[in-house]
């Protein structure tokens, strides 16, 4: 990027400076639009990831609960079997 210099001693310079300024302004505008687009994409991705995380946390809690229920049932069966053994 070339620096924009403002001089007032020739008549062709202001047109050249204006053109360079407009060109640089256009480039910055395009860059800003690209950044805004990227920001929107990242925001959507972040929202999607948060929803997925919430879903996985809920699923994990359900699995832990089922695991605990199965553990309780297995322990109960083991205790009944031990009771049957002692009754023989």
Protein backbone atom coordinates (compact mmCIF):
# COMPACT_ATOMS: atom_id res chain seq x y z
CA UNK A 1 0.00 0.00 0.00
CA UNK A 2 1.40 3.35 -0.99
CA UNK A 3 0.94 6.27 1.38
CA UNK A 4 -1.43 8.96 0.21
CA UNK A 5 0.34 12.30 0.05
CA UNK A 6 -1.51 15.57 -0.20
CA UNK A 7 0.19 18.31 -2.15
CA UNK A 8 -1.27 21.52 -3.46
CA UNK A 9 1.27 22.71 -6.03
CA UNK A 10 0.05 20.95 -9.22
CA UNK A 11 -3.36 20.56 -10.80
CA UNK A 12 -2.99 16.87 -11.76
CA UNK A 13 -2.10 15.72 -8.24
CA UNK A 14 -5.54 16.19 -6.65
CA UNK A 15 -7.15 13.91 -9.26
CA UNK A 16 -4.47 11.28 -8.74
CA UNK A 17 -4.78 11.53 -4.96
CA UNK A 18 -8.57 11.29 -5.20
CA UNK A 19 -8.29 8.19 -7.40
CA UNK A 20 -5.80 6.57 -5.02
CA UNK A 21 -7.98 7.46 -2.06
CA UNK A 22 -11.10 6.05 -3.71
CA UNK A 23 -9.20 2.91 -4.68
CA UNK A 24 -7.92 2.44 -1.14
CA UNK A 25 -11.37 3.16 0.26
CA UNK A 26 -12.88 0.55 -2.09
CA UNK A 27 -10.26 -2.01 -1.01
CA UNK A 28 -10.97 -1.33 2.66
CA UNK A 29 -14.70 -1.59 2.08
CA UNK A 30 -14.26 -4.99 0.41
CA UNK A 31 -12.02 -6.14 3.27
CA UNK A 32 -14.61 -4.98 5.81
CA UNK A 33 -17.38 -6.81 3.97
CA UNK A 34 -15.25 -9.98 3.95
CA UNK A 35 -14.65 -9.64 7.68
CA UNK A 36 -18.36 -9.11 8.36
CA UNK A 37 -19.22 -12.20 6.30
CA UNK A 38 -16.63 -14.25 8.18
CA UNK A 39 -17.94 -12.92 11.50
CA UNK A 40 -21.49 -13.98 10.57
CA UNK A 41 -20.28 -17.46 9.61
CA UNK A 42 -18.36 -17.82 12.87
CA UNK A 43 -21.36 -16.62 14.88
CA UNK A 44 -23.58 -19.24 13.20
CA UNK A 45 -20.98 -21.95 13.73
CA UNK A 46 -20.60 -20.97 17.38
CA UNK A 47 -24.36 -21.10 17.91
CA UNK A 48 -24.51 -24.52 16.25
CA UNK A 49 -21.67 -25.82 18.41
CA UNK A 50 -23.34 -24.55 21.57
CA UNK A 51 -26.58 -26.31 20.65
CA UNK A 52 -24.66 -29.51 19.92
CA UNK A 53 -22.84 -29.26 23.24
CA UNK A 54 -26.14 -28.79 25.10
CA UNK A 55 -27.54 -31.82 23.30
CA UNK A 56 -24.51 -33.93 24.20
CA UNK A 57 -24.62 -32.82 27.84
CA UNK A 58 -28.30 -33.82 28.01
CA UNK A 59 -27.58 -37.14 26.33
CA UNK A 60 -24.70 -37.81 28.74
CA UNK A 61 -26.90 -37.09 31.75
CA UNK A 62 -29.49 -39.56 30.42
CA UNK A 63 -26.84 -42.22 29.88
CA UNK A 64 -25.43 -41.72 33.36
CA UNK A 65 -28.92 -42.11 34.82
CA UNK A 66 -29.52 -45.32 32.84
CA UNK A 67 -26.12 -46.62 33.90
CA UNK A 68 -27.01 -46.02 37.55
CA UNK A 69 -30.35 -47.81 37.11
CA UNK A 70 -28.63 -50.82 35.54
CA UNK A 71 -26.01 -50.86 38.32
CA UNK A 72 -28.76 -50.88 40.95
CA UNK A 73 -30.59 -53.73 39.22
CA UNK A 74 -27.41 -55.79 38.84
CA UNK A 75 -26.53 -55.26 42.50
CA UNK A 76 -30.05 -56.36 43.47
CA UNK A 77 -29.72 -59.50 41.35
CA UNK A 78 -26.34 -60.30 42.90
CA UNK A 79 -27.80 -59.89 46.37
CA UNK A 80 -30.72 -62.21 45.51
CA UNK A 81 -28.33 -64.81 44.12
CA UNK A 82 -26.22 -64.62 47.28
CA UNK A 83 -29.38 -65.04 49.33
CA UNK A 84 -30.37 -68.08 47.28
CA UNK A 85 -26.91 -69.59 47.78
CA UNK A 86 -27.12 -69.16 51.53
CA UNK A 87 -30.61 -70.64 51.57
CA UNK A 88 -29.41 -73.90 50.05
